[in-house]
PDB file of N, CA and C in Angstrom:
ATOM      1  N   UNK A   1    -102.197 -73.175 215.437  1.00  0.00           N
ATOM      2  CA  UNK A   1    -101.390 -73.420 214.264  1.00  0.00           C
ATOM      3  C   UNK A   1    -100.158 -74.232 214.676  1.00  0.00           C
ATOM      4  N   UNK A   2     -99.792 -75.197 213.854  1.00  0.00           N
ATOM      5  CA  UNK A   2     -98.628 -76.027 214.155  1.00  0.00           C
ATOM      6  C   UNK A   2     -97.350 -75.207 214.031  1.00  0.00           C
ATOM      7  N   UNK A   3     -96.408 -75.507 214.878  1.00  0.00           N
ATOM      8  CA  UNK A   3     -95.127 -74.806 214.824  1.00  0.00           C
ATOM      9  C   UNK A   3     -94.158 -75.561 213.936  1.00  0.00           C
ATOM     10  N   UNK A   4     -93.213 -74.833 213.371  1.00  0.00           N
ATOM     11  CA  UNK A   4     -92.119 -75.376 212.565  1.00  0.00           C
ATOM     12  C   UNK A   4     -92.567 -76.122 211.305  1.00  0.00           C
ATOM     13  N   UNK A   5     -93.695 -75.736 210.716  1.00  0.00           N
ATOM     14  CA  UNK A   5     -94.103 -76.363 209.458  1.00  0.00           C
ATOM     15  C   UNK A   5     -93.944 -75.415 208.273  1.00  0.00           C
ATOM     16  N   UNK A   6     -93.733 -74.141 208.541  1.00  0.00           N
ATOM     17  CA  UNK A   6     -93.587 -73.172 207.460  1.00  0.00           C
ATOM     18  C   UNK A   6     -92.115 -72.996 207.100  1.00  0.00           C
ATOM     19  N   UNK A   7     -91.832 -72.739 205.806  1.00  0.00           N
ATOM     20  CA  UNK A   7     -90.446 -72.531 205.389  1.00  0.00           C
ATOM     21  C   UNK A   7     -89.836 -71.298 206.053  1.00  0.00           C
ATOM     22  N   UNK A   8     -88.526 -71.332 206.224  1.00  0.00           N
ATOM     23  CA  UNK A   8     -87.818 -70.214 206.862  1.00  0.00           C
ATOM     24  C   UNK A   8     -87.792 -68.965 205.987  1.00  0.00           C
ATOM     25  N   UNK A   9     -87.831 -69.140 204.658  1.00  0.00           N
ATOM     26  CA  UNK A   9     -87.709 -67.993 203.758  1.00  0.00           C
ATOM     27  C   UNK A   9     -89.066 -67.419 203.338  1.00  0.00           C
ATOM     28  N   UNK A  10     -90.134 -67.719 204.056  1.00  0.00           N
ATOM     29  CA  UNK A  10     -91.450 -67.148 203.760  1.00  0.00           C
ATOM     30  C   UNK A  10     -91.480 -65.697 204.232  1.00  0.00           C
ATOM     31  N   UNK A  11     -91.757 -64.759 203.298  1.00  0.00           N
ATOM     32  CA  UNK A  11     -91.795 -63.339 203.613  1.00  0.00           C
ATOM     33  C   UNK A  11     -92.658 -62.627 202.585  1.00  0.00           C
ATOM     34  N   UNK A  12     -92.948 -61.356 202.818  1.00  0.00           N
ATOM     35  CA  UNK A  12     -93.720 -60.569 201.867  1.00  0.00           C
ATOM     36  C   UNK A  12     -92.849 -60.212 200.664  1.00  0.00           C
ATOM     37  N   UNK A  13     -93.413 -60.352 199.458  1.00  0.00           N
ATOM     38  CA  UNK A  13     -92.694 -60.094 198.208  1.00  0.00           C
ATOM     39  C   UNK A  13     -93.587 -59.238 197.315  1.00  0.00           C
ATOM     40  N   UNK A  14     -93.001 -58.276 196.610  1.00  0.00           N
ATOM     41  CA  UNK A  14     -93.726 -57.471 195.632  1.00  0.00           C
ATOM     42  C   UNK A  14     -93.678 -58.204 194.292  1.00  0.00           C
ATOM     43  N   UNK A  15     -94.853 -58.476 193.726  1.00  0.00           N
ATOM     44  CA  UNK A  15     -94.950 -59.058 192.391  1.00  0.00           C
ATOM     45  C   UNK A  15     -95.358 -57.941 191.438  1.00  0.00           C
ATOM     46  N   UNK A  16     -94.523 -57.669 190.434  1.00  0.00           N
ATOM     47  CA  UNK A  16     -94.770 -56.601 189.459  1.00  0.00           C
ATOM     48  C   UNK A  16     -95.193 -57.242 188.142  1.00  0.00           C
ATOM     49  N   UNK A  17     -96.409 -56.936 187.685  1.00  0.00           N
ATOM     50  CA  UNK A  17     -96.930 -57.458 186.420  1.00  0.00           C
ATOM     51  C   UNK A  17     -96.380 -56.600 185.290  1.00  0.00           C
ATOM     52  N   UNK A  18     -95.533 -57.183 184.439  1.00  0.00           N
ATOM     53  CA  UNK A  18     -94.916 -56.430 183.340  1.00  0.00           C
ATOM     54  C   UNK A  18     -95.933 -55.989 182.296  1.00  0.00           C
ATOM     55  N   UNK A  19     -97.037 -56.722 182.141  1.00  0.00           N
ATOM     56  CA  UNK A  19     -98.031 -56.395 181.122  1.00  0.00           C
ATOM     57  C   UNK A  19     -98.886 -55.193 181.491  1.00  0.00           C
ATOM     58  N   UNK A  20     -99.309 -55.128 182.755  1.00  0.00           N
ATOM     59  CA  UNK A  20    -100.231 -54.068 183.151  1.00  0.00           C
ATOM     60  C   UNK A  20     -99.601 -53.006 184.046  1.00  0.00           C
ATOM     61  N   UNK A  21     -98.458 -53.314 184.637  1.00  0.00           N
ATOM     62  CA  UNK A  21     -97.822 -52.369 185.541  1.00  0.00           C
ATOM     63  C   UNK A  21     -98.333 -52.464 186.972  1.00  0.00           C
ATOM     64  N   UNK A  22     -99.310 -53.326 187.220  1.00  0.00           N
ATOM     65  CA  UNK A  22     -99.848 -53.500 188.570  1.00  0.00           C
ATOM     66  C   UNK A  22     -98.820 -54.170 189.469  1.00  0.00           C
ATOM     67  N   UNK A  23     -98.927 -53.897 190.768  1.00  0.00           N
ATOM     68  CA  UNK A  23     -98.024 -54.491 191.747  1.00  0.00           C
ATOM     69  C   UNK A  23     -98.854 -55.065 192.885  1.00  0.00           C
ATOM     70  N   UNK A  24     -98.425 -56.231 193.392  1.00  0.00           N
ATOM     71  CA  UNK A  24     -99.100 -56.911 194.478  1.00  0.00           C
ATOM     72  C   UNK A  24     -98.088 -57.237 195.564  1.00  0.00           C
ATOM     73  N   UNK A  25     -98.470 -57.097 196.807  1.00  0.00           N
ATOM     74  CA  UNK A  25     -97.629 -57.468 197.940  1.00  0.00           C
ATOM     75  C   UNK A  25     -98.221 -58.737 198.531  1.00  0.00           C
ATOM     76  N   UNK A  26     -97.505 -59.855 198.351  1.00  0.00           N
ATOM     77  CA  UNK A  26     -98.022 -61.172 198.714  1.00  0.00           C
ATOM     78  C   UNK A  26     -96.936 -61.948 199.441  1.00  0.00           C
ATOM     79  N   UNK A  27     -97.329 -62.777 200.377  1.00  0.00           N
ATOM     80  CA  UNK A  27     -96.388 -63.660 201.046  1.00  0.00           C
ATOM     81  C   UNK A  27     -95.924 -64.752 200.098  1.00  0.00           C
ATOM     82  N   UNK A  28     -94.614 -65.016 200.057  1.00  0.00           N
ATOM     83  CA  UNK A  28     -94.064 -65.990 199.124  1.00  0.00           C
ATOM     84  C   UNK A  28     -92.698 -66.472 199.594  1.00  0.00           C
ATOM     85  N   UNK A  29     -92.263 -67.597 199.000  1.00  0.00           N
ATOM     86  CA  UNK A  29     -90.921 -68.125 199.250  1.00  0.00           C
ATOM     87  C   UNK A  29     -90.044 -68.014 198.004  1.00  0.00           C
ATOM     88  N   UNK A  30     -90.508 -67.293 196.974  1.00  0.00           N
ATOM     89  CA  UNK A  30     -89.772 -67.177 195.715  1.00  0.00           C
ATOM     90  C   UNK A  30     -88.406 -66.517 195.946  1.00  0.00           C
ATOM     91  N   UNK A  31     -87.403 -67.037 195.253  1.00  0.00           N
ATOM     92  CA  UNK A  31     -86.046 -66.480 195.365  1.00  0.00           C
ATOM     93  C   UNK A  31     -85.923 -65.286 194.419  1.00  0.00           C
ATOM     94  N   UNK A  32     -85.426 -64.170 194.923  1.00  0.00           N
ATOM     95  CA  UNK A  32     -85.261 -62.970 194.120  1.00  0.00           C
ATOM     96  C   UNK A  32     -84.071 -62.164 194.638  1.00  0.00           C
ATOM     97  N   UNK A  33     -83.453 -61.416 193.739  1.00  0.00           N
ATOM     98  CA  UNK A  33     -82.303 -60.602 194.132  1.00  0.00           C
ATOM     99  C   UNK A  33     -82.635 -59.112 194.155  1.00  0.00           C
ATOM    100  N   UNK A  34     -83.740 -58.724 193.493  1.00  0.00           N
ATOM    101  CA  UNK A  34     -84.122 -57.313 193.431  1.00  0.00           C
ATOM    102  C   UNK A  34     -84.973 -56.930 194.641  1.00  0.00           C
ATOM    103  N   UNK A  35     -84.950 -55.646 194.989  1.00  0.00           N
ATOM    104  CA  UNK A  35     -85.814 -55.110 196.025  1.00  0.00           C
ATOM    105  C   UNK A  35     -86.410 -53.796 195.544  1.00  0.00           C
ATOM    106  N   UNK A  36     -87.526 -53.418 196.146  1.00  0.00           N
ATOM    107  CA  UNK A  36     -88.170 -52.154 195.813  1.00  0.00           C
ATOM    108  C   UNK A  36     -89.005 -51.720 197.008  1.00  0.00           C
ATOM    109  N   UNK A  37     -89.333 -50.433 197.059  1.00  0.00           N
ATOM    110  CA  UNK A  37     -90.144 -49.921 198.152  1.00  0.00           C
ATOM    111  C   UNK A  37     -91.622 -50.038 197.819  1.00  0.00           C
ATOM    112  N   UNK A  38     -92.407 -50.427 198.805  1.00  0.00           N
ATOM    113  CA  UNK A  38     -93.853 -50.514 198.690  1.00  0.00           C
ATOM    114  C   UNK A  38     -94.450 -49.182 199.122  1.00  0.00           C
ATOM    115  N   UNK A  39     -95.752 -49.035 199.023  1.00  0.00           N
ATOM    116  CA  UNK A  39     -96.434 -47.784 199.365  1.00  0.00           C
ATOM    117  C   UNK A  39     -96.224 -47.368 200.819  1.00  0.00           C
ATOM    118  N   UNK A  40     -95.953 -48.324 201.697  1.00  0.00           N
ATOM    119  CA  UNK A  40     -95.757 -48.002 203.111  1.00  0.00           C
ATOM    120  C   UNK A  40     -94.333 -47.541 203.425  1.00  0.00           C
ATOM    121  N   UNK A  41     -93.457 -47.479 202.404  1.00  0.00           N
ATOM    122  CA  UNK A  41     -92.090 -47.019 202.574  1.00  0.00           C
ATOM    123  C   UNK A  41     -91.099 -48.095 202.963  1.00  0.00           C
ATOM    124  N   UNK A  42     -91.590 -49.318 203.175  1.00  0.00           N
ATOM    125  CA  UNK A  42     -90.726 -50.433 203.549  1.00  0.00           C
ATOM    126  C   UNK A  42     -90.205 -51.110 202.280  1.00  0.00           C
ATOM    127  N   UNK A  43     -88.957 -51.546 202.286  1.00  0.00           N
ATOM    128  CA  UNK A  43     -88.349 -52.210 201.137  1.00  0.00           C
ATOM    129  C   UNK A  43     -88.588 -53.712 201.225  1.00  0.00           C
ATOM    130  N   UNK A  44     -89.101 -54.292 200.126  1.00  0.00           N
ATOM    131  CA  UNK A  44     -89.414 -55.718 200.050  1.00  0.00           C
ATOM    132  C   UNK A  44     -88.706 -56.327 198.842  1.00  0.00           C
ATOM    133  N   UNK A  45     -88.522 -57.658 198.819  1.00  0.00           N
ATOM    134  CA  UNK A  45     -88.007 -58.322 197.625  1.00  0.00           C
ATOM    135  C   UNK A  45     -88.982 -58.109 196.460  1.00  0.00           C
ATOM    136  N   UNK A  46     -88.453 -58.043 195.249  1.00  0.00           N
ATOM    137  CA  UNK A  46     -89.263 -57.765 194.054  1.00  0.00           C
ATOM    138  C   UNK A  46     -89.052 -58.855 193.026  1.00  0.00           C
ATOM    139  N   UNK A  47     -90.150 -59.299 192.405  1.00  0.00           N
ATOM    140  CA  UNK A  47     -90.057 -60.231 191.285  1.00  0.00           C
ATOM    141  C   UNK A  47     -91.006 -59.766 190.191  1.00  0.00           C
ATOM    142  N   UNK A  48     -90.637 -60.021 188.947  1.00  0.00           N
ATOM    143  CA  UNK A  48     -91.440 -59.619 187.792  1.00  0.00           C
ATOM    144  C   UNK A  48     -92.170 -60.833 187.236  1.00  0.00           C
ATOM    145  N   UNK A  49     -93.444 -60.646 186.875  1.00  0.00           N
ATOM    146  CA  UNK A  49     -94.241 -61.707 186.262  1.00  0.00           C
ATOM    147  C   UNK A  49     -94.831 -61.186 184.962  1.00  0.00           C
ATOM    148  N   UNK A  50     -95.059 -62.069 184.016  1.00  0.00           N
ATOM    149  CA  UNK A  50     -95.616 -61.681 182.718  1.00  0.00           C
ATOM    150  C   UNK A  50     -97.136 -61.553 182.774  1.00  0.00           C
ATOM    151  N   UNK A  51     -97.797 -62.407 183.560  1.00  0.00           N
ATOM    152  CA  UNK A  51     -99.256 -62.429 183.614  1.00  0.00           C
ATOM    153  C   UNK A  51     -99.699 -62.527 185.065  1.00  0.00           C
ATOM    154  N   UNK A  52    -100.696 -61.750 185.424  1.00  0.00           N
ATOM    155  CA  UNK A  52    -101.316 -61.832 186.748  1.00  0.00           C
ATOM    156  C   UNK A  52    -102.821 -61.632 186.570  1.00  0.00           C
ATOM    157  N   UNK A  53    -103.537 -61.570 187.670  1.00  0.00           N
ATOM    158  CA  UNK A  53    -104.979 -61.344 187.580  1.00  0.00           C
ATOM    159  C   UNK A  53    -105.296 -59.962 186.999  1.00  0.00           C
ATOM    160  N   UNK A  54    -104.340 -59.052 187.030  1.00  0.00           N
ATOM    161  CA  UNK A  54    -104.557 -57.710 186.476  1.00  0.00           C
ATOM    162  C   UNK A  54    -104.443 -57.677 184.957  1.00  0.00           C
ATOM    163  N   UNK A  55    -103.818 -58.697 184.363  1.00  0.00           N
ATOM    164  CA  UNK A  55    -103.633 -58.674 182.908  1.00  0.00           C
ATOM    165  C   UNK A  55    -104.179 -59.913 182.200  1.00  0.00           C
ATOM    166  N   UNK A  56    -104.561 -60.948 182.927  1.00  0.00           N
ATOM    167  CA  UNK A  56    -105.059 -62.175 182.292  1.00  0.00           C
ATOM    168  C   UNK A  56    -106.469 -61.947 181.753  1.00  0.00           C
ATOM    169  N   UNK A  57    -106.734 -62.348 180.499  1.00  0.00           N
ATOM    170  CA  UNK A  57    -108.050 -62.111 179.891  1.00  0.00           C
ATOM    171  C   UNK A  57    -109.217 -62.720 180.672  1.00  0.00           C
ATOM    172  N   UNK A  58    -109.001 -63.822 181.372  1.00  0.00           N
ATOM    173  CA  UNK A  58    -110.083 -64.439 182.147  1.00  0.00           C
ATOM    174  C   UNK A  58    -110.580 -63.488 183.229  1.00  0.00           C
ATOM    175  N   UNK A  59    -109.683 -62.771 183.865  1.00  0.00           N
ATOM    176  CA  UNK A  59    -110.058 -61.862 184.946  1.00  0.00           C
ATOM    177  C   UNK A  59    -110.459 -60.491 184.441  1.00  0.00           C
ATOM    178  N   UNK A  60    -109.854 -60.024 183.364  1.00  0.00           N
ATOM    179  CA  UNK A  60    -110.137 -58.676 182.871  1.00  0.00           C
ATOM    180  C   UNK A  60    -111.327 -58.640 181.925  1.00  0.00           C
ATOM    181  N   UNK A  61    -111.635 -59.768 181.276  1.00  0.00           N
ATOM    182  CA  UNK A  61    -112.725 -59.807 180.317  1.00  0.00           C
ATOM    183  C   UNK A  61    -112.349 -59.240 178.966  1.00  0.00           C
ATOM    184  N   UNK A  62    -111.121 -58.813 178.800  1.00  0.00           N
ATOM    185  CA  UNK A  62    -110.649 -58.247 177.540  1.00  0.00           C
ATOM    186  C   UNK A  62    -109.637 -59.201 176.916  1.00  0.00           C
ATOM    187  N   UNK A  63    -109.847 -59.489 175.646  1.00  0.00           N
ATOM    188  CA  UNK A  63    -108.917 -60.377 174.957  1.00  0.00           C
ATOM    189  C   UNK A  63    -107.812 -59.550 174.322  1.00  0.00           C
ATOM    190  N   UNK A  64    -106.570 -59.921 174.615  1.00  0.00           N
ATOM    191  CA  UNK A  64    -105.449 -59.250 173.976  1.00  0.00           C
ATOM    192  C   UNK A  64    -104.308 -60.254 173.840  1.00  0.00           C
ATOM    193  N   UNK A  65    -103.500 -60.061 172.841  1.00  0.00           N
ATOM    194  CA  UNK A  65    -102.375 -60.955 172.595  1.00  0.00           C
ATOM    195  C   UNK A  65    -101.162 -60.401 173.324  1.00  0.00           C
ATOM    196  N   UNK A  66    -100.595 -61.219 174.219  1.00  0.00           N
ATOM    197  CA  UNK A  66     -99.388 -60.819 174.934  1.00  0.00           C
ATOM    198  C   UNK A  66     -98.244 -61.655 174.388  1.00  0.00           C
ATOM    199  N   UNK A  67     -97.480 -61.091 173.496  1.00  0.00           N
ATOM    200  CA  UNK A  67     -96.398 -61.808 172.847  1.00  0.00           C
ATOM    201  C   UNK A  67     -95.090 -61.123 173.192  1.00  0.00           C
ATOM    202  N   UNK A  68     -94.392 -61.667 174.171  1.00  0.00           N
ATOM    203  CA  UNK A  68     -93.160 -61.027 174.611  1.00  0.00           C
ATOM    204  C   UNK A  68     -91.932 -61.573 173.902  1.00  0.00           C
ATOM    205  N   UNK A  69     -92.065 -62.688 173.200  1.00  0.00           N
ATOM    206  CA  UNK A  69     -90.894 -63.294 172.583  1.00  0.00           C
ATOM    207  C   UNK A  69     -91.019 -63.407 171.067  1.00  0.00           C
ATOM    208  N   UNK A  70     -92.011 -62.758 170.449  1.00  0.00           N
ATOM    209  CA  UNK A  70     -92.160 -62.801 168.995  1.00  0.00           C
ATOM    210  C   UNK A  70     -92.716 -64.114 168.475  1.00  0.00           C
ATOM    211  N   UNK A  71     -93.400 -64.870 169.327  1.00  0.00           N
ATOM    212  CA  UNK A  71     -93.909 -66.184 168.930  1.00  0.00           C
ATOM    213  C   UNK A  71     -94.995 -66.078 167.879  1.00  0.00           C
ATOM    214  N   UNK A  72     -95.851 -65.078 167.967  1.00  0.00           N
ATOM    215  CA  UNK A  72     -96.944 -64.935 167.012  1.00  0.00           C
ATOM    216  C   UNK A  72     -96.389 -64.661 165.621  1.00  0.00           C
ATOM    217  N   UNK A  73     -95.416 -63.759 165.519  1.00  0.00           N
ATOM    218  CA  UNK A  73     -94.833 -63.450 164.212  1.00  0.00           C
ATOM    219  C   UNK A  73     -94.122 -64.675 163.630  1.00  0.00           C
ATOM    220  N   UNK A  74     -93.420 -65.437 164.458  1.00  0.00           N
ATOM    221  CA  UNK A  74     -92.742 -66.648 163.988  1.00  0.00           C
ATOM    222  C   UNK A  74     -93.757 -67.658 163.468  1.00  0.00           C
ATOM    223  N   UNK A  75     -94.877 -67.818 164.181  1.00  0.00           N
ATOM    224  CA  UNK A  75     -95.911 -68.754 163.757  1.00  0.00           C
ATOM    225  C   UNK A  75     -96.519 -68.321 162.425  1.00  0.00           C
ATOM    226  N   UNK A  76     -96.839 -67.031 162.300  1.00  0.00           N
ATOM    227  CA  UNK A  76     -97.417 -66.537 161.046  1.00  0.00           C
ATOM    228  C   UNK A  76     -96.452 -66.719 159.881  1.00  0.00           C
ATOM    229  N   UNK A  77     -95.160 -66.511 160.113  1.00  0.00           N
ATOM    230  CA  UNK A  77     -94.165 -66.698 159.052  1.00  0.00           C
ATOM    231  C   UNK A  77     -94.088 -68.166 158.639  1.00  0.00           C
ATOM    232  N   UNK A  78     -94.152 -69.075 159.607  1.00  0.00           N
ATOM    233  CA  UNK A  78     -94.120 -70.505 159.284  1.00  0.00           C
ATOM    234  C   UNK A  78     -95.352 -70.912 158.481  1.00  0.00           C
ATOM    235  N   UNK A  79     -96.514 -70.407 158.869  1.00  0.00           N
ATOM    236  CA  UNK A  79     -97.748 -70.744 158.159  1.00  0.00           C
ATOM    237  C   UNK A  79     -97.725 -70.186 156.741  1.00  0.00           C
ATOM    238  N   UNK A  80     -97.193 -68.990 156.587  1.00  0.00           N
ATOM    239  CA  UNK A  80     -97.107 -68.396 155.250  1.00  0.00           C
ATOM    240  C   UNK A  80     -96.169 -69.218 154.370  1.00  0.00           C
ATOM    241  N   UNK A  81     -95.022 -69.627 154.933  1.00  0.00           N
ATOM    242  CA  UNK A  81     -94.068 -70.452 154.185  1.00  0.00           C
ATOM    243  C   UNK A  81     -94.674 -71.804 153.849  1.00  0.00           C
ATOM    244  N   UNK A  82     -95.392 -72.393 154.763  1.00  0.00           N
ATOM    245  CA  UNK A  82     -96.032 -73.695 154.514  1.00  0.00           C
ATOM    246  C   UNK A  82     -97.096 -73.568 153.449  1.00  0.00           C
ATOM    247  N   UNK A  83     -97.822 -72.452 153.422  1.00  0.00           N
ATOM    248  CA  UNK A  83     -98.859 -72.233 152.413  1.00  0.00           C
ATOM    249  C   UNK A  83     -98.285 -72.097 151.022  1.00  0.00           C
ATOM    250  N   UNK A  84     -97.132 -71.466 150.873  1.00  0.00           N
ATOM    251  CA  UNK A  84     -96.516 -71.313 149.552  1.00  0.00           C
ATOM    252  C   UNK A  84     -95.942 -72.634 149.070  1.00  0.00           C
ATOM    253  N   UNK A  85     -95.478 -73.465 149.980  1.00  0.00           N
ATOM    254  CA  UNK A  85     -94.935 -74.783 149.572  1.00  0.00           C
ATOM    255  C   UNK A  85     -96.055 -75.690 149.054  1.00  0.00           C
ATOM    256  N   UNK A  86     -97.221 -75.685 149.667  1.00  0.00           N
ATOM    257  CA  UNK A  86     -98.296 -76.565 149.243  1.00  0.00           C
ATOM    258  C   UNK A  86     -98.880 -76.105 147.920  1.00  0.00           C
ATOM    259  N   UNK A  87     -98.868 -74.818 147.630  1.00  0.00           N
ATOM    260  CA  UNK A  87     -99.383 -74.307 146.367  1.00  0.00           C
ATOM    261  C   UNK A  87     -98.475 -74.679 145.206  1.00  0.00           C
ATOM    262  N   UNK A  88     -97.152 -74.770 145.461  1.00  0.00           N
ATOM    263  CA  UNK A  88     -96.198 -75.114 144.404  1.00  0.00           C
ATOM    264  C   UNK A  88     -96.301 -76.585 144.018  1.00  0.00           C
ATOM    265  N   UNK A  89     -96.680 -77.431 144.943  1.00  0.00           N
ATOM    266  CA  UNK A  89     -96.700 -78.877 144.684  1.00  0.00           C
ATOM    267  C   UNK A  89     -97.832 -79.292 143.790  1.00  0.00           C
TER     268      UNK A  89
END
């Protein structure tokens, strides 16, 4: 393996999937300020993700709507408003 080609901040990081609650310990260079303990009792940097292989429909085979910012409700409200405007015209 070549020397001095890897970044200095490469280390193990805990990725916590907010949708499913699953946690993964993976090597990464992501910047994070939080830390948490892994199953082995060692403390690692922690980052939160919205979607991972544990919650993505492609990997799970289950279709579900993950709307963390209210986008679906906003879209439905816009479509409803647009439908009433076209009926009035």
